[in-house]
N, C-alpha and C. Protein backbone atom coordinates (compact mmCIF):
# COMPACT_ATOMS: atom_id res chain seq x y z
N MET A 1 -47.15 -39.47 94.99
CA MET A 1 -47.26 -38.03 94.87
C MET A 1 -48.20 -37.53 95.96
N THR A 2 -47.82 -36.44 96.63
CA THR A 2 -48.67 -35.91 97.69
C THR A 2 -49.74 -35.03 97.08
N GLN A 3 -50.88 -35.00 97.76
CA GLN A 3 -51.99 -34.21 97.28
C GLN A 3 -51.94 -32.84 97.93
N LEU A 4 -52.13 -31.80 97.13
CA LEU A 4 -52.07 -30.43 97.63
C LEU A 4 -53.46 -29.96 98.02
N SER A 5 -53.55 -29.20 99.10
CA SER A 5 -54.82 -28.57 99.46
C SER A 5 -55.03 -27.37 98.54
N GLN A 6 -56.22 -26.77 98.61
CA GLN A 6 -56.51 -25.61 97.77
C GLN A 6 -55.59 -24.44 98.11
N ASP A 7 -55.29 -24.24 99.42
CA ASP A 7 -54.39 -23.16 99.82
C ASP A 7 -52.99 -23.39 99.29
N ASP A 8 -52.51 -24.64 99.37
CA ASP A 8 -51.19 -24.95 98.86
C ASP A 8 -51.13 -24.72 97.35
N PHE A 9 -52.20 -25.10 96.65
CA PHE A 9 -52.25 -24.92 95.20
C PHE A 9 -52.20 -23.44 94.86
N GLY A 10 -52.99 -22.65 95.58
CA GLY A 10 -53.01 -21.21 95.31
C GLY A 10 -51.65 -20.59 95.55
N SER A 11 -51.01 -20.96 96.62
CA SER A 11 -49.69 -20.42 96.93
C SER A 11 -48.67 -20.87 95.89
N SER A 12 -48.73 -22.14 95.52
CA SER A 12 -47.82 -22.67 94.50
C SER A 12 -48.08 -22.00 93.15
N GLN A 13 -49.35 -21.83 92.84
CA GLN A 13 -49.70 -21.20 91.57
C GLN A 13 -49.25 -19.74 91.55
N ARG A 14 -49.42 -19.02 92.64
CA ARG A 14 -48.96 -17.64 92.73
C ARG A 14 -47.45 -17.55 92.54
N HIS A 15 -46.76 -18.46 93.21
CA HIS A 15 -45.30 -18.48 93.10
C HIS A 15 -44.88 -18.75 91.65
N ASP A 16 -45.55 -19.71 91.01
CA ASP A 16 -45.22 -20.03 89.62
C ASP A 16 -45.51 -18.86 88.69
N GLN A 17 -46.63 -18.16 88.92
CA GLN A 17 -46.96 -17.00 88.10
C GLN A 17 -45.91 -15.91 88.26
N PHE A 18 -45.53 -15.67 89.51
CA PHE A 18 -44.51 -14.66 89.76
C PHE A 18 -43.19 -15.05 89.11
N GLU A 19 -42.77 -16.29 89.30
CA GLU A 19 -41.49 -16.76 88.73
C GLU A 19 -41.49 -16.65 87.21
N TYR A 20 -42.59 -17.06 86.60
CA TYR A 20 -42.69 -16.99 85.15
C TYR A 20 -42.58 -15.53 84.67
N ALA A 21 -43.35 -14.64 85.29
CA ALA A 21 -43.33 -13.22 84.89
C ALA A 21 -41.96 -12.61 85.15
N TRP A 22 -41.40 -12.91 86.33
CA TRP A 22 -40.10 -12.33 86.66
C TRP A 22 -39.01 -12.81 85.72
N ARG A 23 -38.98 -14.10 85.46
CA ARG A 23 -37.94 -14.63 84.57
C ARG A 23 -38.06 -14.05 83.17
N TRP A 24 -39.27 -13.90 82.68
CA TRP A 24 -39.49 -13.30 81.37
C TRP A 24 -38.94 -11.87 81.37
N PHE A 25 -39.36 -11.08 82.35
CA PHE A 25 -38.93 -9.69 82.44
C PHE A 25 -37.41 -9.60 82.58
N ASP A 26 -36.84 -10.37 83.48
CA ASP A 26 -35.41 -10.33 83.76
C ASP A 26 -34.59 -10.71 82.53
N MET A 27 -35.01 -11.77 81.86
CA MET A 27 -34.25 -12.22 80.69
C MET A 27 -34.24 -11.15 79.60
N HIS A 28 -35.39 -10.58 79.31
CA HIS A 28 -35.46 -9.61 78.22
C HIS A 28 -34.86 -8.26 78.62
N ALA A 29 -34.95 -7.89 79.89
CA ALA A 29 -34.30 -6.65 80.35
C ALA A 29 -32.78 -6.80 80.25
N ARG A 30 -32.26 -7.95 80.66
CA ARG A 30 -30.82 -8.19 80.55
C ARG A 30 -30.39 -8.23 79.08
N GLN A 31 -31.20 -8.87 78.26
CA GLN A 31 -30.89 -8.95 76.83
C GLN A 31 -30.82 -7.55 76.23
N ARG A 32 -31.72 -6.68 76.64
CA ARG A 32 -31.74 -5.32 76.12
C ARG A 32 -30.46 -4.57 76.51
N VAL A 33 -30.05 -4.71 77.76
CA VAL A 33 -28.83 -4.04 78.23
C VAL A 33 -27.60 -4.61 77.52
N LEU A 34 -27.56 -5.93 77.37
CA LEU A 34 -26.43 -6.55 76.68
C LEU A 34 -26.35 -6.10 75.23
N MET A 35 -27.48 -6.00 74.57
CA MET A 35 -27.48 -5.54 73.17
C MET A 35 -26.99 -4.10 73.09
N PHE A 36 -27.39 -3.27 74.04
CA PHE A 36 -26.93 -1.88 74.02
C PHE A 36 -25.43 -1.81 74.29
N ASN A 37 -24.94 -2.62 75.22
CA ASN A 37 -23.50 -2.66 75.47
C ASN A 37 -22.73 -3.11 74.23
N PHE A 38 -23.26 -4.13 73.56
CA PHE A 38 -22.64 -4.59 72.31
C PHE A 38 -22.64 -3.47 71.29
N PHE A 39 -23.74 -2.76 71.18
CA PHE A 39 -23.82 -1.65 70.24
C PHE A 39 -22.76 -0.59 70.54
N LEU A 40 -22.61 -0.24 71.82
CA LEU A 40 -21.62 0.78 72.18
C LEU A 40 -20.21 0.34 71.81
N LEU A 41 -19.89 -0.92 72.09
CA LEU A 41 -18.56 -1.43 71.72
C LEU A 41 -18.37 -1.45 70.21
N ALA A 42 -19.37 -1.94 69.50
CA ALA A 42 -19.27 -2.01 68.04
C ALA A 42 -19.19 -0.61 67.44
N ALA A 43 -20.01 0.31 67.93
CA ALA A 43 -20.00 1.68 67.40
C ALA A 43 -18.64 2.34 67.62
N GLY A 44 -18.05 2.12 68.79
CA GLY A 44 -16.72 2.69 69.06
C GLY A 44 -15.65 2.11 68.16
N ALA A 45 -15.69 0.79 67.97
CA ALA A 45 -14.70 0.13 67.11
C ALA A 45 -14.85 0.58 65.66
N ILE A 46 -16.08 0.68 65.21
CA ILE A 46 -16.34 1.09 63.82
C ILE A 46 -15.91 2.55 63.61
N ALA A 47 -16.23 3.41 64.58
CA ALA A 47 -15.83 4.82 64.47
C ALA A 47 -14.30 4.94 64.44
N ASN A 48 -13.64 4.15 65.26
CA ASN A 48 -12.18 4.16 65.28
C ASN A 48 -11.62 3.70 63.93
N ALA A 49 -12.17 2.62 63.39
CA ALA A 49 -11.72 2.11 62.09
C ALA A 49 -11.95 3.16 61.01
N TYR A 50 -13.11 3.79 61.03
CA TYR A 50 -13.41 4.83 60.04
C TYR A 50 -12.39 5.97 60.14
N GLY A 51 -12.14 6.43 61.37
CA GLY A 51 -11.20 7.53 61.56
C GLY A 51 -9.80 7.20 61.06
N LEU A 52 -9.35 5.99 61.35
CA LEU A 52 -8.01 5.59 60.88
C LEU A 52 -7.95 5.54 59.36
N LEU A 53 -8.97 4.96 58.74
CA LEU A 53 -8.99 4.86 57.28
C LEU A 53 -9.09 6.24 56.63
N PHE A 54 -9.92 7.09 57.19
CA PHE A 54 -10.08 8.43 56.63
C PHE A 54 -8.78 9.22 56.76
N ARG A 55 -8.13 9.11 57.90
CA ARG A 55 -6.87 9.81 58.12
C ARG A 55 -5.81 9.38 57.12
N GLU A 56 -5.83 8.11 56.76
CA GLU A 56 -4.87 7.58 55.78
C GLU A 56 -5.34 7.81 54.34
N GLN A 57 -6.41 8.54 54.19
CA GLN A 57 -7.00 8.89 52.88
C GLN A 57 -7.42 7.65 52.09
N LEU A 58 -7.84 6.63 52.79
CA LEU A 58 -8.40 5.43 52.17
C LEU A 58 -9.92 5.59 52.16
N TYR A 59 -10.39 6.44 51.24
CA TYR A 59 -11.78 6.85 51.27
C TYR A 59 -12.76 5.75 50.87
N GLY A 60 -12.37 4.86 50.00
CA GLY A 60 -13.24 3.74 49.62
C GLY A 60 -13.53 2.83 50.81
N PRO A 61 -12.48 2.30 51.45
CA PRO A 61 -12.72 1.48 52.64
C PRO A 61 -13.41 2.26 53.78
N ALA A 62 -13.10 3.56 53.90
CA ALA A 62 -13.75 4.36 54.94
C ALA A 62 -15.25 4.46 54.68
N THR A 63 -15.63 4.60 53.40
CA THR A 63 -17.04 4.64 53.05
C THR A 63 -17.71 3.32 53.39
N ALA A 64 -17.04 2.21 53.11
CA ALA A 64 -17.59 0.88 53.42
C ALA A 64 -17.77 0.70 54.92
N VAL A 65 -16.79 1.15 55.69
CA VAL A 65 -16.88 1.04 57.15
C VAL A 65 -18.02 1.91 57.68
N ALA A 66 -18.19 3.10 57.13
CA ALA A 66 -19.29 3.96 57.54
C ALA A 66 -20.63 3.30 57.23
N LEU A 67 -20.72 2.63 56.09
CA LEU A 67 -21.95 1.91 55.73
C LEU A 67 -22.21 0.78 56.73
N ILE A 68 -21.17 0.07 57.12
CA ILE A 68 -21.31 -0.98 58.14
C ILE A 68 -21.80 -0.37 59.45
N GLY A 69 -21.23 0.77 59.83
CA GLY A 69 -21.68 1.45 61.04
C GLY A 69 -23.13 1.85 60.98
N LEU A 70 -23.56 2.34 59.82
CA LEU A 70 -24.96 2.72 59.64
C LEU A 70 -25.86 1.49 59.79
N ILE A 71 -25.48 0.38 59.17
CA ILE A 71 -26.28 -0.85 59.26
C ILE A 71 -26.34 -1.36 60.70
N VAL A 72 -25.21 -1.38 61.38
CA VAL A 72 -25.17 -1.84 62.78
C VAL A 72 -26.06 -0.95 63.65
N SER A 73 -26.01 0.35 63.44
CA SER A 73 -26.83 1.28 64.23
C SER A 73 -28.32 1.05 63.98
N LEU A 74 -28.70 0.86 62.73
CA LEU A 74 -30.11 0.61 62.42
C LEU A 74 -30.58 -0.73 62.97
N MET A 75 -29.71 -1.74 62.89
CA MET A 75 -30.08 -3.05 63.45
C MET A 75 -30.23 -2.96 64.97
N ALA A 76 -29.34 -2.23 65.63
CA ALA A 76 -29.44 -2.06 67.08
C ALA A 76 -30.74 -1.35 67.45
N TYR A 77 -31.13 -0.37 66.66
CA TYR A 77 -32.37 0.36 66.89
C TYR A 77 -33.57 -0.58 66.80
N VAL A 78 -33.61 -1.36 65.73
CA VAL A 78 -34.73 -2.30 65.52
C VAL A 78 -34.78 -3.34 66.63
N LEU A 79 -33.62 -3.88 67.01
CA LEU A 79 -33.59 -4.87 68.09
C LEU A 79 -34.01 -4.26 69.42
N ASP A 80 -33.67 -3.00 69.66
CA ASP A 80 -34.09 -2.36 70.89
C ASP A 80 -35.60 -2.19 70.93
N VAL A 81 -36.19 -1.84 69.80
CA VAL A 81 -37.66 -1.72 69.75
C VAL A 81 -38.30 -3.05 70.15
N ARG A 82 -37.80 -4.14 69.57
CA ARG A 82 -38.37 -5.46 69.89
C ARG A 82 -38.10 -5.85 71.34
N ASN A 83 -36.89 -5.64 71.82
CA ASN A 83 -36.58 -5.98 73.21
C ASN A 83 -37.44 -5.16 74.18
N HIS A 84 -37.68 -3.91 73.84
CA HIS A 84 -38.54 -3.08 74.69
C HIS A 84 -39.95 -3.64 74.75
N GLN A 85 -40.46 -4.12 73.63
CA GLN A 85 -41.78 -4.74 73.62
C GLN A 85 -41.82 -5.97 74.53
N LEU A 86 -40.78 -6.78 74.47
CA LEU A 86 -40.72 -7.99 75.30
C LEU A 86 -40.59 -7.65 76.78
N VAL A 87 -39.82 -6.62 77.11
CA VAL A 87 -39.70 -6.17 78.50
C VAL A 87 -41.06 -5.67 78.99
N ASP A 88 -41.75 -4.90 78.15
CA ASP A 88 -43.08 -4.40 78.52
C ASP A 88 -44.06 -5.53 78.81
N MET A 89 -43.98 -6.60 78.02
CA MET A 89 -44.87 -7.75 78.26
C MET A 89 -44.62 -8.34 79.65
N GLY A 90 -43.36 -8.48 80.02
CA GLY A 90 -43.03 -8.99 81.34
C GLY A 90 -43.46 -8.04 82.44
N GLU A 91 -43.31 -6.74 82.19
CA GLU A 91 -43.72 -5.74 83.18
C GLU A 91 -45.22 -5.78 83.40
N GLU A 92 -45.98 -5.93 82.33
CA GLU A 92 -47.43 -6.01 82.45
C GLU A 92 -47.84 -7.24 83.25
N ALA A 93 -47.17 -8.36 83.03
CA ALA A 93 -47.47 -9.58 83.80
C ALA A 93 -47.14 -9.37 85.27
N LEU A 94 -46.02 -8.71 85.56
CA LEU A 94 -45.66 -8.45 86.95
C LEU A 94 -46.64 -7.47 87.61
N LYS A 95 -47.13 -6.51 86.85
CA LYS A 95 -48.14 -5.59 87.39
C LYS A 95 -49.41 -6.36 87.78
N GLN A 96 -49.77 -7.33 86.95
CA GLN A 96 -50.96 -8.13 87.25
C GLN A 96 -50.74 -8.98 88.50
N VAL A 97 -49.56 -9.55 88.63
CA VAL A 97 -49.24 -10.33 89.84
C VAL A 97 -49.30 -9.42 91.06
N GLU A 98 -48.75 -8.21 90.95
CA GLU A 98 -48.83 -7.26 92.06
C GLU A 98 -50.29 -6.95 92.41
N LYS A 99 -51.07 -6.70 91.39
CA LYS A 99 -52.48 -6.35 91.61
C LYS A 99 -53.23 -7.50 92.28
N ASP A 100 -53.01 -8.70 91.79
CA ASP A 100 -53.76 -9.85 92.29
C ASP A 100 -53.30 -10.32 93.66
N TYR A 101 -52.02 -10.24 93.93
CA TYR A 101 -51.50 -10.89 95.12
C TYR A 101 -50.90 -9.96 96.16
N LEU A 102 -50.53 -8.75 95.79
CA LEU A 102 -49.99 -7.83 96.78
C LEU A 102 -51.06 -6.87 97.28
N SER A 103 -51.98 -6.47 96.43
CA SER A 103 -53.03 -5.53 96.84
C SER A 103 -53.87 -6.05 98.01
N PRO A 104 -54.27 -7.32 98.02
CA PRO A 104 -55.10 -7.79 99.12
C PRO A 104 -54.43 -7.73 100.49
N ILE A 105 -53.11 -7.68 100.59
CA ILE A 105 -52.47 -7.67 101.89
C ILE A 105 -52.25 -6.27 102.44
N VAL A 106 -52.64 -5.26 101.69
CA VAL A 106 -52.45 -3.88 102.12
C VAL A 106 -53.75 -3.38 102.73
N PRO A 107 -53.66 -2.63 103.82
CA PRO A 107 -54.88 -2.09 104.43
C PRO A 107 -55.65 -1.22 103.44
N GLU A 108 -56.97 -1.24 103.56
CA GLU A 108 -57.82 -0.50 102.62
C GLU A 108 -57.65 1.01 102.71
N THR A 109 -57.05 1.50 103.77
CA THR A 109 -56.87 2.94 103.92
C THR A 109 -55.82 3.49 102.97
N GLU A 110 -54.95 2.63 102.48
CA GLU A 110 -53.92 3.08 101.55
C GLU A 110 -54.45 3.02 100.12
N THR A 111 -54.11 4.01 99.34
CA THR A 111 -54.59 4.04 97.97
C THR A 111 -53.75 3.14 97.05
N GLN A 112 -52.48 2.97 97.37
CA GLN A 112 -51.62 2.14 96.54
C GLN A 112 -50.89 1.14 97.43
N PRO A 113 -50.76 -0.08 96.96
CA PRO A 113 -50.02 -1.06 97.74
C PRO A 113 -48.57 -0.61 97.94
N ARG A 114 -48.09 -0.70 99.17
CA ARG A 114 -46.73 -0.23 99.43
C ARG A 114 -45.67 -1.14 98.84
N TYR A 115 -46.01 -2.38 98.57
CA TYR A 115 -45.04 -3.31 98.00
C TYR A 115 -45.17 -3.45 96.49
N ALA A 116 -46.16 -2.86 95.91
CA ALA A 116 -46.39 -2.96 94.47
C ALA A 116 -45.56 -1.88 93.77
N ILE A 117 -44.35 -2.20 93.47
CA ILE A 117 -43.40 -1.23 92.93
C ILE A 117 -43.82 -0.73 91.56
N LEU A 118 -44.22 -1.63 90.70
CA LEU A 118 -44.53 -1.23 89.33
C LEU A 118 -45.75 -0.34 89.24
N THR A 119 -46.74 -0.56 90.08
CA THR A 119 -47.93 0.29 90.03
C THR A 119 -47.72 1.62 90.74
N ARG A 120 -46.68 1.73 91.55
CA ARG A 120 -46.37 2.98 92.24
C ARG A 120 -45.42 3.86 91.45
N GLU A 121 -44.80 3.32 90.44
CA GLU A 121 -43.79 4.07 89.69
C GLU A 121 -44.38 5.37 89.15
N THR A 122 -43.62 6.43 89.32
CA THR A 122 -44.03 7.73 88.79
C THR A 122 -43.66 7.79 87.31
N GLN A 123 -44.33 8.62 86.59
CA GLN A 123 -44.04 8.77 85.17
C GLN A 123 -42.89 9.75 84.98
N PRO A 124 -41.73 9.27 84.52
CA PRO A 124 -40.60 10.19 84.30
C PRO A 124 -40.85 11.04 83.05
N HIS A 125 -40.09 12.12 82.96
CA HIS A 125 -40.14 12.94 81.75
C HIS A 125 -39.66 12.08 80.58
N PHE A 126 -40.08 12.42 79.38
CA PHE A 126 -39.73 11.61 78.22
C PHE A 126 -38.22 11.46 78.06
N TRP A 127 -37.46 12.49 78.37
CA TRP A 127 -36.01 12.45 78.20
C TRP A 127 -35.31 11.61 79.25
N GLN A 128 -36.05 11.18 80.28
CA GLN A 128 -35.49 10.32 81.32
C GLN A 128 -35.72 8.84 81.03
N LYS A 129 -36.54 8.54 80.06
CA LYS A 129 -36.86 7.14 79.77
C LYS A 129 -35.73 6.49 78.98
N HIS A 130 -35.41 5.27 79.36
CA HIS A 130 -34.36 4.53 78.66
C HIS A 130 -34.67 4.38 77.18
N LYS A 131 -35.94 4.21 76.88
CA LYS A 131 -36.35 4.03 75.49
C LYS A 131 -35.82 5.17 74.62
N TYR A 132 -35.97 6.39 75.07
CA TYR A 132 -35.55 7.54 74.27
C TYR A 132 -34.04 7.74 74.33
N LEU A 133 -33.44 7.47 75.47
CA LEU A 133 -31.99 7.63 75.58
C LEU A 133 -31.25 6.63 74.69
N ILE A 134 -31.64 5.37 74.79
CA ILE A 134 -30.97 4.32 74.00
C ILE A 134 -31.20 4.55 72.51
N ARG A 135 -32.44 4.73 72.14
CA ARG A 135 -32.75 4.92 70.72
C ARG A 135 -32.18 6.23 70.19
N GLY A 136 -32.11 7.24 71.03
CA GLY A 136 -31.51 8.50 70.63
C GLY A 136 -30.03 8.34 70.28
N LEU A 137 -29.31 7.62 71.14
CA LEU A 137 -27.90 7.36 70.86
C LEU A 137 -27.73 6.54 69.58
N GLU A 138 -28.59 5.55 69.39
CA GLU A 138 -28.50 4.74 68.18
C GLU A 138 -28.81 5.56 66.94
N ALA A 139 -29.79 6.44 67.04
CA ALA A 139 -30.14 7.29 65.90
C ALA A 139 -29.03 8.29 65.59
N VAL A 140 -28.44 8.88 66.63
CA VAL A 140 -27.34 9.83 66.42
C VAL A 140 -26.16 9.11 65.76
N ALA A 141 -25.87 7.89 66.23
CA ALA A 141 -24.77 7.12 65.62
C ALA A 141 -25.08 6.83 64.15
N ALA A 142 -26.32 6.44 63.86
CA ALA A 142 -26.70 6.15 62.48
C ALA A 142 -26.53 7.39 61.60
N LEU A 143 -26.98 8.53 62.10
CA LEU A 143 -26.84 9.76 61.32
C LEU A 143 -25.36 10.15 61.16
N GLY A 144 -24.59 9.92 62.21
CA GLY A 144 -23.15 10.21 62.12
C GLY A 144 -22.47 9.33 61.09
N TYR A 145 -22.79 8.04 61.08
CA TYR A 145 -22.21 7.14 60.08
C TYR A 145 -22.68 7.50 58.68
N LEU A 146 -23.93 7.91 58.55
CA LEU A 146 -24.44 8.32 57.24
C LEU A 146 -23.66 9.54 56.75
N ALA A 147 -23.50 10.54 57.61
CA ALA A 147 -22.75 11.74 57.23
C ALA A 147 -21.29 11.40 56.91
N ALA A 148 -20.69 10.54 57.72
CA ALA A 148 -19.29 10.14 57.48
C ALA A 148 -19.17 9.40 56.15
N GLY A 149 -20.12 8.53 55.86
CA GLY A 149 -20.09 7.79 54.60
C GLY A 149 -20.23 8.70 53.39
N ILE A 150 -21.14 9.66 53.50
CA ILE A 150 -21.32 10.63 52.41
C ILE A 150 -20.05 11.46 52.23
N HIS A 151 -19.48 11.90 53.34
CA HIS A 151 -18.27 12.72 53.27
C HIS A 151 -17.11 11.94 52.63
N SER A 152 -16.91 10.72 53.07
CA SER A 152 -15.79 9.94 52.50
C SER A 152 -16.06 9.56 51.05
N ALA A 153 -17.33 9.35 50.69
CA ALA A 153 -17.65 9.05 49.29
C ALA A 153 -17.37 10.28 48.41
N ILE A 154 -17.70 11.45 48.90
CA ILE A 154 -17.40 12.69 48.17
C ILE A 154 -15.89 12.84 48.00
N MET A 155 -15.16 12.59 49.06
CA MET A 155 -13.69 12.67 48.98
C MET A 155 -13.13 11.64 47.99
N LEU A 156 -13.72 10.46 47.96
CA LEU A 156 -13.28 9.41 47.05
C LEU A 156 -13.43 9.86 45.58
N PHE A 157 -14.56 10.48 45.27
CA PHE A 157 -14.80 10.88 43.89
C PHE A 157 -14.09 12.18 43.51
N GLN A 158 -13.60 12.92 44.48
CA GLN A 158 -12.83 14.13 44.18
C GLN A 158 -11.37 13.79 43.87
N CYS A 159 -10.92 12.62 44.30
CA CYS A 159 -9.51 12.23 44.07
C CYS A 159 -9.27 11.83 42.64
């Protein structure tokens, strides 16, 4: 085994820290997007099933499908909250790597490192954040399924 100098160790350690933080962030960011895509597909299929059952006046099964839609929407919401926490953890680690290893290479005349993307990010309006857009759609779907379930249950008991 070859022996590493202190400079080699520092460079290797920096690379490992970056790789670890990046892989964590990338995996959980991709997982979040995949879960949202799954939710959109599931919500569309469930809404279609509900509509077909309701049109055929099968109010009992339509109520059950609406309940499934409500549960799927709530589960997607909860999973998004957790995935967002995991993405934030990776982002914080990447910010630290930027601070520790990118800041020293920038001239002192600059207030922000030009390569430190995460620390330069501007704060978007609340309605521009993915957190609110994704969770908003999931909440609207949940409320829609709840309303649909109540409506079909009322129709079931009126028959």
